Amino acid sequence: SSMAWYRQAPGKQRELVARITSSGITNYADSVKGRFTISRDNG
């Protein structure tokens, strides 16, 4: 599975925060780059 974190603030649309693919490739929203880290433990 491709896993992701989204967030939704009051009065705003839900937005993608970070995603990590099954192979471990990550993608971050510009607003959180350098501050947030997504990871997964398949076990």
All heavy atoms as atom14 arrays in JSON, in Angstrom:
{
  "sequence": "SSMAWYRQAPGKQRELVARITSSGITNYADSVKGRFTISRDNG",
  "atom14_mask": [
    [1, 1, 1, 1, 1, 1, 0, 0, 0, 0, 0, 0, 0, 0],
    [1, 1, 1, 1, 1, 1, 0, 0, 0, 0, 0, 0, 0, 0],
    [1, 1, 1, 1, 1, 1, 1, 1, 0, 0, 0, 0, 0, 0],
    [1, 1, 1, 1, 1, 0, 0, 0, 0, 0, 0, 0, 0, 0],
    [1, 1, 1, 1, 1, 1, 1, 1, 1, 1, 1, 1, 1, 1],
    [1, 1, 1, 1, 1, 1, 1, 1, 1, 1, 1, 1, 0, 0],
    [1, 1, 1, 1, 1, 1, 1, 1, 1, 1, 1, 0, 0, 0],
    [1, 1, 1, 1, 1, 1, 1, 1, 1, 0, 0, 0, 0, 0],
    [1, 1, 1, 1, 1, 0, 0, 0, 0, 0, 0, 0, 0, 0],
    [1, 1, 1, 1, 1, 1, 1, 0, 0, 0, 0, 0, 0, 0],
    [1, 1, 1, 1, 0, 0, 0, 0, 0, 0, 0, 0, 0, 0],
    [1, 1, 1, 1, 1, 1, 1, 1, 1, 0, 0, 0, 0, 0],
    [1, 1, 1, 1, 1, 1, 1, 1, 1, 0, 0, 0, 0, 0],
    [1, 1, 1, 1, 1, 1, 1, 1, 1, 1, 1, 0, 0, 0],
    [1, 1, 1, 1, 1, 1, 1, 1, 1, 0, 0, 0, 0, 0],
    [1, 1, 1, 1, 1, 1, 1, 1, 0, 0, 0, 0, 0, 0],
    [1, 1, 1, 1, 1, 1, 1, 0, 0, 0, 0, 0, 0, 0],
    [1, 1, 1, 1, 1, 0, 0, 0, 0, 0, 0, 0, 0, 0],
    [1, 1, 1, 1, 1, 1, 1, 1, 1, 1, 1, 0, 0, 0],
    [1, 1, 1, 1, 1, 1, 1, 1, 0, 0, 0, 0, 0, 0],
    [1, 1, 1, 1, 1, 1, 1, 0, 0, 0, 0, 0, 0, 0],
    [1, 1, 1, 1, 1, 1, 0, 0, 0, 0, 0, 0, 0, 0],
    [1, 1, 1, 1, 1, 1, 0, 0, 0, 0, 0, 0, 0, 0],
    [1, 1, 1, 1, 0, 0, 0, 0, 0, 0, 0, 0, 0, 0],
    [1, 1, 1, 1, 1, 1, 1, 1, 0, 0, 0, 0, 0, 0],
    [1, 1, 1, 1, 1, 1, 1, 0, 0, 0, 0, 0, 0, 0],
    [1, 1, 1, 1, 1, 1, 1, 1, 0, 0, 0, 0, 0, 0],
    [1, 1, 1, 1, 1, 1, 1, 1, 1, 1, 1, 1, 0, 0],
    [1, 1, 1, 1, 1, 0, 0, 0, 0, 0, 0, 0, 0, 0],
    [1, 1, 1, 1, 1, 1, 1, 1, 0, 0, 0, 0, 0, 0],
    [1, 1, 1, 1, 1, 1, 0, 0, 0, 0, 0, 0, 0, 0],
    [1, 1, 1, 1, 1, 1, 1, 0, 0, 0, 0, 0, 0, 0],
    [1, 1, 1, 1, 1, 1, 1, 1, 1, 0, 0, 0, 0, 0],
    [1, 1, 1, 1, 0, 0, 0, 0, 0, 0, 0, 0, 0, 0],
    [1, 1, 1, 1, 1, 1, 1, 1, 1, 1, 1, 0, 0, 0],
    [1, 1, 1, 1, 1, 1, 1, 1, 1, 1, 1, 0, 0, 0],
    [1, 1, 1, 1, 1, 1, 1, 0, 0, 0, 0, 0, 0, 0],
    [1, 1, 1, 1, 1, 1, 1, 1, 0, 0, 0, 0, 0, 0],
    [1, 1, 1, 1, 1, 1, 0, 0, 0, 0, 0, 0, 0, 0],
    [1, 1, 1, 1, 1, 1, 1, 1, 1, 1, 1, 0, 0, 0],
    [1, 1, 1, 1, 1, 1, 1, 1, 0, 0, 0, 0, 0, 0],
    [1, 1, 1, 1, 1, 1, 1, 1, 0, 0, 0, 0, 0, 0],
    [1, 1, 1, 1, 0, 0, 0, 0, 0, 0, 0, 0, 0, 0]
  ],
  "atom14_positions": [
    [[0.81, -1.2, 0.0], [0.0, 0.0, 0.0], [0.85, 1.26, 0.0], [1.92, 1.3, 0.62], [-0.92, 0.03, 1.22], [-1.82, -1.06, 1.23], [0.0, 0.0, 0.0], [0.0, 0.0, 0.0], [0.0, 0.0, 0.0], [0.0, 0.0, 0.0], [0.0, 0.0, 0.0], [0.0, 0.0, 0.0], [0.0, 0.0, 0.0], [0.0, 0.0, 0.0]],
    [[0.36, 2.27, -0.69], [0.91, 3.6, -0.56], [0.22, 4.28, 0.63], [-1.0, 4.34, 0.67], [0.68, 4.4, -1.84], [1.13, 5.73, -1.71], [0.0, 0.0, 0.0], [0.0, 0.0, 0.0], [0.0, 0.0, 0.0], [0.0, 0.0, 0.0], [0.0, 0.0, 0.0], [0.0, 0.0, 0.0], [0.0, 0.0, 0.0], [0.0, 0.0, 0.0]],
    [[1.01, 4.75, 1.58], [0.47, 5.32, 2.81], [0.69, 6.83, 2.83], [1.69, 7.34, 2.32], [1.13, 4.69, 4.03], [1.03, 3.18, 4.1], [-0.69, 2.61, 4.24], [-1.17, 3.37, 5.8], [0.0, 0.0, 0.0], [0.0, 0.0, 0.0], [0.0, 0.0, 0.0], [0.0, 0.0, 0.0], [0.0, 0.0, 0.0], [0.0, 0.0, 0.0]],
    [[-0.24, 7.53, 3.45], [-0.15, 8.98, 3.47], [-0.8, 9.55, 4.72], [-1.63, 8.91, 5.37], [-0.8, 9.58, 2.23], [0.0, 0.0, 0.0], [0.0, 0.0, 0.0], [0.0, 0.0, 0.0], [0.0, 0.0, 0.0], [0.0, 0.0, 0.0], [0.0, 0.0, 0.0], [0.0, 0.0, 0.0], [0.0, 0.0, 0.0], [0.0, 0.0, 0.0]],
    [[-0.4, 10.76, 5.04], [-1.05, 11.57, 6.05], [-1.65, 12.8, 5.38], [-0.97, 13.48, 4.6], [-0.09, 12.02, 7.15], [0.35, 10.92, 8.06], [1.48, 10.18, 7.97], [-0.35, 10.46, 9.23], [1.55, 9.27, 9.0], [0.43, 9.42, 9.78], [-1.54, 10.82, 9.84], [0.05, 8.73, 10.93], [-1.93, 10.13, 10.98], [-1.14, 9.11, 11.51]],
    [[-2.9, 13.05, 5.65], [-3.59, 14.25, 5.24], [-3.99, 15.04, 6.47], [-4.01, 14.51, 7.59], [-4.85, 13.92, 4.43], [-4.6, 13.4, 3.02], [-4.14, 12.11, 2.8], [-4.86, 14.2, 1.92], [-3.93, 11.63, 1.52], [-4.66, 13.73, 0.63], [-4.19, 12.44, 0.44], [-3.99, 11.97, -0.84], [0.0, 0.0, 0.0], [0.0, 0.0, 0.0]],
    [[-4.34, 16.29, 6.28], [-4.86, 17.08, 7.38], [-5.93, 18.03, 6.88], [-5.94, 18.41, 5.71], [-3.76, 17.86, 8.1], [-3.12, 18.97, 7.28], [-1.94, 19.58, 8.04], [-1.33, 20.67, 7.3], [-0.2, 21.28, 7.66], [0.44, 20.89, 8.77], [0.29, 22.27, 6.93], [0.0, 0.0, 0.0], [0.0, 0.0, 0.0], [0.0, 0.0, 0.0]],
    [[-6.82, 18.4, 7.78], [-7.87, 19.33, 7.45], [-8.08, 20.29, 8.61], [-8.42, 19.87, 9.72], [-9.18, 18.61, 7.13], [-10.27, 19.52, 6.63], [-11.45, 18.76, 6.03], [-11.66, 17.6, 6.34], [-12.19, 19.42, 5.15], [0.0, 0.0, 0.0], [0.0, 0.0, 0.0], [0.0, 0.0, 0.0], [0.0, 0.0, 0.0], [0.0, 0.0, 0.0]],
    [[-7.84, 21.56, 8.35], [-8.05, 22.6, 9.34], [-9.46, 23.17, 9.17], [-10.05, 23.08, 8.09], [-7.01, 23.7, 9.18], [0.0, 0.0, 0.0], [0.0, 0.0, 0.0], [0.0, 0.0, 0.0], [0.0, 0.0, 0.0], [0.0, 0.0, 0.0], [0.0, 0.0, 0.0], [0.0, 0.0, 0.0], [0.0, 0.0, 0.0], [0.0, 0.0, 0.0]],
    [[-10.0, 23.78, 10.21], [-11.34, 24.36, 10.11], [-11.45, 25.35, 8.96], [-10.59, 26.22, 8.8], [-11.52, 25.06, 11.45], [-10.65, 24.3, 12.39], [-9.45, 23.92, 11.57], [0.0, 0.0, 0.0], [0.0, 0.0, 0.0], [0.0, 0.0, 0.0], [0.0, 0.0, 0.0], [0.0, 0.0, 0.0], [0.0, 0.0, 0.0], [0.0, 0.0, 0.0]],
    [[-12.48, 25.19, 8.14], [-12.7, 26.09, 7.02], [-11.82, 25.85, 5.81], [-11.91, 26.62, 4.85], [0.0, 0.0, 0.0], [0.0, 0.0, 0.0], [0.0, 0.0, 0.0], [0.0, 0.0, 0.0], [0.0, 0.0, 0.0], [0.0, 0.0, 0.0], [0.0, 0.0, 0.0], [0.0, 0.0, 0.0], [0.0, 0.0, 0.0], [0.0, 0.0, 0.0]],
    [[-10.99, 24.83, 5.85], [-10.1, 24.54, 4.74], [-10.34, 23.14, 4.18], [-10.92, 22.28, 4.84], [-8.64, 24.66, 5.18], [-8.22, 26.06, 5.62], [-6.75, 26.11, 5.96], [-6.31, 27.5, 6.36], [-4.87, 27.55, 6.7], [0.0, 0.0, 0.0], [0.0, 0.0, 0.0], [0.0, 0.0, 0.0], [0.0, 0.0, 0.0], [0.0, 0.0, 0.0]],
    [[-9.89, 22.94, 2.95], [-9.99, 21.63, 2.32], [-8.93, 20.69, 2.88], [-7.88, 21.11, 3.36], [-9.83, 21.74, 0.8], [-10.95, 22.49, 0.1], [-10.78, 22.5, -1.4], [-9.66, 22.44, -1.91], [-11.89, 22.57, -2.12], [0.0, 0.0, 0.0], [0.0, 0.0, 0.0], [0.0, 0.0, 0.0], [0.0, 0.0, 0.0], [0.0, 0.0, 0.0]],
    [[-9.22, 19.4, 2.82], [-8.24, 18.42, 3.23], [-7.05, 18.45, 2.27], [-7.23, 18.51, 1.05], [-8.88, 17.02, 3.25], [-7.99, 15.95, 3.84], [-8.74, 14.63, 4.0], [-9.87, 14.76, 4.9], [-10.61, 13.73, 5.31], [-10.33, 12.5, 4.9], [-11.64, 13.94, 6.12], [0.0, 0.0, 0.0], [0.0, 0.0, 0.0], [0.0, 0.0, 0.0]],
    [[-5.85, 18.42, 2.82], [-4.65, 18.51, 2.02], [-3.68, 17.39, 2.35], [-3.62, 16.91, 3.48], [-3.95, 19.86, 2.22], [-3.43, 20.08, 3.64], [-2.63, 21.37, 3.78], [-2.28, 21.99, 2.76], [-2.35, 21.75, 4.94], [0.0, 0.0, 0.0], [0.0, 0.0, 0.0], [0.0, 0.0, 0.0], [0.0, 0.0, 0.0], [0.0, 0.0, 0.0]],
    [[-2.91, 17.0, 1.35], [-1.88, 15.99, 1.54], [-0.72, 16.59, 2.31], [-0.19, 17.63, 1.94], [-1.4, 15.46, 0.2], [-0.24, 14.47, 0.24], [-0.66, 13.16, 0.91], [0.29, 14.2, -1.17], [0.0, 0.0, 0.0], [0.0, 0.0, 0.0], [0.0, 0.0, 0.0], [0.0, 0.0, 0.0], [0.0, 0.0, 0.0], [0.0, 0.0, 0.0]],
    [[-0.31, 15.91, 3.37], [0.84, 16.33, 4.16], [2.09, 15.58, 3.73], [3.14, 16.18, 3.48], [0.59, 16.12, 5.66], [1.83, 16.48, 6.48], [-0.61, 16.93, 6.12], [0.0, 0.0, 0.0], [0.0, 0.0, 0.0], [0.0, 0.0, 0.0], [0.0, 0.0, 0.0], [0.0, 0.0, 0.0], [0.0, 0.0, 0.0], [0.0, 0.0, 0.0]],
    [[1.99, 14.27, 3.65], [3.13, 13.44, 3.28], [2.65, 12.09, 2.79], [1.61, 11.6, 3.23], [4.08, 13.25, 4.47], [0.0, 0.0, 0.0], [0.0, 0.0, 0.0], [0.0, 0.0, 0.0], [0.0, 0.0, 0.0], [0.0, 0.0, 0.0], [0.0, 0.0, 0.0], [0.0, 0.0, 0.0], [0.0, 0.0, 0.0], [0.0, 0.0, 0.0]],
    [[3.42, 11.51, 1.9], [3.1, 10.19, 1.38], [4.37, 9.36, 1.32], [5.46, 9.87, 1.04], [2.46, 10.27, -0.01], [2.13, 8.91, -0.63], [1.32, 9.03, -1.9], [-0.01, 9.57, -1.64], [-1.03, 8.86, -1.15], [-0.88, 7.57, -0.86], [-2.2, 9.43, -0.95], [0.0, 0.0, 0.0], [0.0, 0.0, 0.0], [0.0, 0.0, 0.0]],
    [[4.22, 8.06, 1.55], [5.33, 7.13, 1.4], [4.83, 5.92, 0.62], [3.83, 5.31, 0.97], [5.93, 6.72, 2.77], [7.13, 5.8, 2.57], [4.88, 6.1, 3.69], [7.96, 5.61, 3.85], [0.0, 0.0, 0.0], [0.0, 0.0, 0.0], [0.0, 0.0, 0.0], [0.0, 0.0, 0.0], [0.0, 0.0, 0.0], [0.0, 0.0, 0.0]],
    [[5.52, 5.6, -0.45], [5.11, 4.49, -1.3], [5.54, 3.17, -0.68], [6.26, 3.11, 0.32], [5.71, 4.62, -2.7], [7.13, 4.39, -2.63], [5.45, 6.0, -3.29], [0.0, 0.0, 0.0], [0.0, 0.0, 0.0], [0.0, 0.0, 0.0], [0.0, 0.0, 0.0], [0.0, 0.0, 0.0], [0.0, 0.0, 0.0], [0.0, 0.0, 0.0]],
    [[5.1, 2.08, -1.31], [5.46, 0.76, -0.83], [6.97, 0.52, -0.9], [7.49, -0.31, -0.15], [4.72, -0.32, -1.63], [5.03, -0.24, -3.01], [0.0, 0.0, 0.0], [0.0, 0.0, 0.0], [0.0, 0.0, 0.0], [0.0, 0.0, 0.0], [0.0, 0.0, 0.0], [0.0, 0.0, 0.0], [0.0, 0.0, 0.0], [0.0, 0.0, 0.0]],
    [[7.65, 1.24, -1.77], [9.1, 1.11, -1.9], [9.87, 2.1, -1.04], [11.1, 2.12, -1.08], [9.52, 1.25, -3.36], [9.18, 2.53, -3.87], [0.0, 0.0, 0.0], [0.0, 0.0, 0.0], [0.0, 0.0, 0.0], [0.0, 0.0, 0.0], [0.0, 0.0, 0.0], [0.0, 0.0, 0.0], [0.0, 0.0, 0.0], [0.0, 0.0, 0.0]],
    [[9.16, 2.94, -0.28], [9.81, 3.86, 0.63], [10.07, 5.24, 0.09], [10.72, 6.05, 0.77], [0.0, 0.0, 0.0], [0.0, 0.0, 0.0], [0.0, 0.0, 0.0], [0.0, 0.0, 0.0], [0.0, 0.0, 0.0], [0.0, 0.0, 0.0], [0.0, 0.0, 0.0], [0.0, 0.0, 0.0], [0.0, 0.0, 0.0], [0.0, 0.0, 0.0]],
    [[9.59, 5.57, -1.09], [9.76, 6.9, -1.64], [8.78, 7.85, -0.97], [7.6, 7.55, -0.85], [9.53, 6.9, -3.16], [10.45, 5.87, -3.84], [9.75, 8.29, -3.73], [11.92, 6.13, -3.61], [0.0, 0.0, 0.0], [0.0, 0.0, 0.0], [0.0, 0.0, 0.0], [0.0, 0.0, 0.0], [0.0, 0.0, 0.0], [0.0, 0.0, 0.0]],
    [[9.28, 9.01, -0.55], [8.46, 9.96, 0.19], [8.2, 11.23, -0.59], [8.97, 11.62, -1.47], [9.13, 10.33, 1.53], [10.42, 10.89, 1.28], [9.27, 9.11, 2.41], [0.0, 0.0, 0.0], [0.0, 0.0, 0.0], [0.0, 0.0, 0.0], [0.0, 0.0, 0.0], [0.0, 0.0, 0.0], [0.0, 0.0, 0.0], [0.0, 0.0, 0.0]],
    [[7.1, 11.88, -0.24], [6.72, 13.15, -0.83], [6.08, 13.99, 0.27], [5.29, 13.47, 1.07], [5.74, 12.94, -1.98], [5.34, 14.24, -2.65], [6.19, 14.98, -3.12], [4.05, 14.51, -2.7], [0.0, 0.0, 0.0], [0.0, 0.0, 0.0], [0.0, 0.0, 0.0], [0.0, 0.0, 0.0], [0.0, 0.0, 0.0], [0.0, 0.0, 0.0]],
    [[6.41, 15.29, 0.31], [5.92, 16.17, 1.36], [5.32, 17.43, 0.78], [5.77, 17.94, -0.26], [7.05, 16.58, 2.31], [7.69, 15.43, 3.06], [8.8, 14.78, 2.56], [7.17, 15.02, 4.29], [9.38, 13.74, 3.26], [7.75, 13.98, 4.99], [8.86, 13.34, 4.46], [9.43, 12.31, 5.16], [0.0, 0.0, 0.0], [0.0, 0.0, 0.0]],
    [[4.33, 17.95, 1.46], [3.85, 19.28, 1.14], [4.94, 20.29, 1.43], [5.73, 20.13, 2.37], [2.61, 19.61, 1.97], [0.0, 0.0, 0.0], [0.0, 0.0, 0.0], [0.0, 0.0, 0.0], [0.0, 0.0, 0.0], [0.0, 0.0, 0.0], [0.0, 0.0, 0.0], [0.0, 0.0, 0.0], [0.0, 0.0, 0.0], [0.0, 0.0, 0.0]],
    [[5.0, 21.34, 0.61], [6.04, 22.35, 0.79], [6.02, 22.95, 2.2], [7.06, 23.3, 2.76], [5.89, 23.46, -0.24], [6.27, 23.02, -1.64], [6.99, 22.01, -1.77], [5.87, 23.7, -2.6], [0.0, 0.0, 0.0], [0.0, 0.0, 0.0], [0.0, 0.0, 0.0], [0.0, 0.0, 0.0], [0.0, 0.0, 0.0], [0.0, 0.0, 0.0]],
    [[4.84, 23.06, 2.77], [4.69, 23.7, 4.06], [5.3, 22.91, 5.22], [5.52, 23.47, 6.3], [3.21, 23.97, 4.36], [2.47, 22.76, 4.36], [0.0, 0.0, 0.0], [0.0, 0.0, 0.0], [0.0, 0.0, 0.0], [0.0, 0.0, 0.0], [0.0, 0.0, 0.0], [0.0, 0.0, 0.0], [0.0, 0.0, 0.0], [0.0, 0.0, 0.0]],
    [[5.58, 21.62, 5.01], [6.11, 20.8, 6.09], [7.48, 20.23, 5.79], [8.07, 19.57, 6.66], [5.15, 19.64, 6.44], [3.75, 20.17, 6.73], [5.11, 18.6, 5.33], [0.0, 0.0, 0.0], [0.0, 0.0, 0.0], [0.0, 0.0, 0.0], [0.0, 0.0, 0.0], [0.0, 0.0, 0.0], [0.0, 0.0, 0.0], [0.0, 0.0, 0.0]],
    [[8.01, 20.49, 4.61], [9.33, 19.98, 4.26], [10.39, 20.46, 5.25], [10.43, 21.64, 5.6], [9.71, 20.41, 2.84], [9.0, 19.66, 1.75], [9.44, 20.12, 0.36], [8.73, 19.35, -0.74], [9.1, 19.84, -2.09], [0.0, 0.0, 0.0], [0.0, 0.0, 0.0], [0.0, 0.0, 0.0], [0.0, 0.0, 0.0], [0.0, 0.0, 0.0]],
    [[11.22, 19.54, 5.67], [12.25, 19.86, 6.64], [11.8, 19.8, 8.07], [12.64, 19.84, 8.98], [0.0, 0.0, 0.0], [0.0, 0.0, 0.0], [0.0, 0.0, 0.0], [0.0, 0.0, 0.0], [0.0, 0.0, 0.0], [0.0, 0.0, 0.0], [0.0, 0.0, 0.0], [0.0, 0.0, 0.0], [0.0, 0.0, 0.0], [0.0, 0.0, 0.0]],
    [[10.5, 19.7, 8.31], [9.97, 19.64, 9.67], [9.31, 18.3, 9.98], [9.39, 17.82, 11.11], [8.96, 20.76, 9.9], [9.55, 22.16, 9.73], [8.56, 23.23, 10.19], [7.33, 23.22, 9.39], [6.11, 23.01, 9.88], [5.95, 22.8, 11.19], [5.06, 23.03, 9.08], [0.0, 0.0, 0.0], [0.0, 0.0, 0.0], [0.0, 0.0, 0.0]],
    [[8.63, 17.72, 9.0], [7.91, 16.46, 9.2], [8.64, 15.32, 8.5], [9.26, 15.52, 7.45], [6.49, 16.54, 8.63], [5.56, 17.46, 9.37], [6.01, 18.31, 10.36], [4.2, 17.46, 9.05], [5.14, 19.15, 11.04], [3.32, 18.3, 9.72], [3.78, 19.15, 10.71], [0.0, 0.0, 0.0], [0.0, 0.0, 0.0], [0.0, 0.0, 0.0]],
    [[8.52, 14.13, 9.04], [9.1, 12.94, 8.44], [8.09, 11.8, 8.49], [7.59, 11.47, 9.56], [10.39, 12.51, 9.15], [11.34, 13.57, 9.13], [11.0, 11.29, 8.46], [0.0, 0.0, 0.0], [0.0, 0.0, 0.0], [0.0, 0.0, 0.0], [0.0, 0.0, 0.0], [0.0, 0.0, 0.0], [0.0, 0.0, 0.0], [0.0, 0.0, 0.0]],
    [[7.82, 11.22, 7.34], [6.94, 10.06, 7.28], [7.8, 8.8, 7.15], [8.82, 8.8, 6.46], [5.93, 10.16, 6.12], [4.89, 9.04, 6.19], [6.63, 10.17, 4.76], [3.72, 9.22, 5.22], [0.0, 0.0, 0.0], [0.0, 0.0, 0.0], [0.0, 0.0, 0.0], [0.0, 0.0, 0.0], [0.0, 0.0, 0.0], [0.0, 0.0, 0.0]],
    [[7.39, 7.75, 7.82], [8.11, 6.49, 7.75], [7.12, 5.35, 7.94], [5.97, 5.56, 8.33], [9.22, 6.42, 8.81], [8.69, 6.52, 10.12], [0.0, 0.0, 0.0], [0.0, 0.0, 0.0], [0.0, 0.0, 0.0], [0.0, 0.0, 0.0], [0.0, 0.0, 0.0], [0.0, 0.0, 0.0], [0.0, 0.0, 0.0], [0.0, 0.0, 0.0]],
    [[7.57, 4.14, 7.64], [6.7, 2.99, 7.79], [7.48, 1.79, 8.29], [8.68, 1.65, 8.04], [5.99, 2.66, 6.47], [6.91, 2.21, 5.34], [6.18, 2.19, 3.99], [5.1, 1.22, 3.97], [4.11, 1.22, 3.09], [4.05, 2.17, 2.15], [3.17, 0.29, 3.14], [0.0, 0.0, 0.0], [0.0, 0.0, 0.0], [0.0, 0.0, 0.0]],
    [[6.79, 0.93, 9.0], [7.35, -0.32, 9.49], [6.41, -1.41, 9.0], [5.36, -1.65, 9.58], [7.45, -0.32, 11.01], [8.16, -1.55, 11.55], [8.16, -2.6, 10.87], [8.72, -1.47, 12.67], [0.0, 0.0, 0.0], [0.0, 0.0, 0.0], [0.0, 0.0, 0.0], [0.0, 0.0, 0.0], [0.0, 0.0, 0.0], [0.0, 0.0, 0.0]],
    [[6.8, -2.06, 7.92], [5.92, -3.07, 7.33], [5.73, -4.28, 8.24], [4.68, -4.92, 8.2], [6.49, -3.52, 5.97], [6.36, -2.45, 4.91], [5.58, -1.51, 5.04], [7.14, -2.59, 3.84], [0.0, 0.0, 0.0], [0.0, 0.0, 0.0], [0.0, 0.0, 0.0], [0.0, 0.0, 0.0], [0.0, 0.0, 0.0], [0.0, 0.0, 0.0]],
    [[6.73, -4.58, 9.05], [6.61, -5.69, 9.98], [5.55, -5.45, 11.03], [4.94, -6.4, 11.53], [0.0, 0.0, 0.0], [0.0, 0.0, 0.0], [0.0, 0.0, 0.0], [0.0, 0.0, 0.0], [0.0, 0.0, 0.0], [0.0, 0.0, 0.0], [0.0, 0.0, 0.0], [0.0, 0.0, 0.0], [0.0, 0.0, 0.0], [0.0, 0.0, 0.0]]
  ]
}
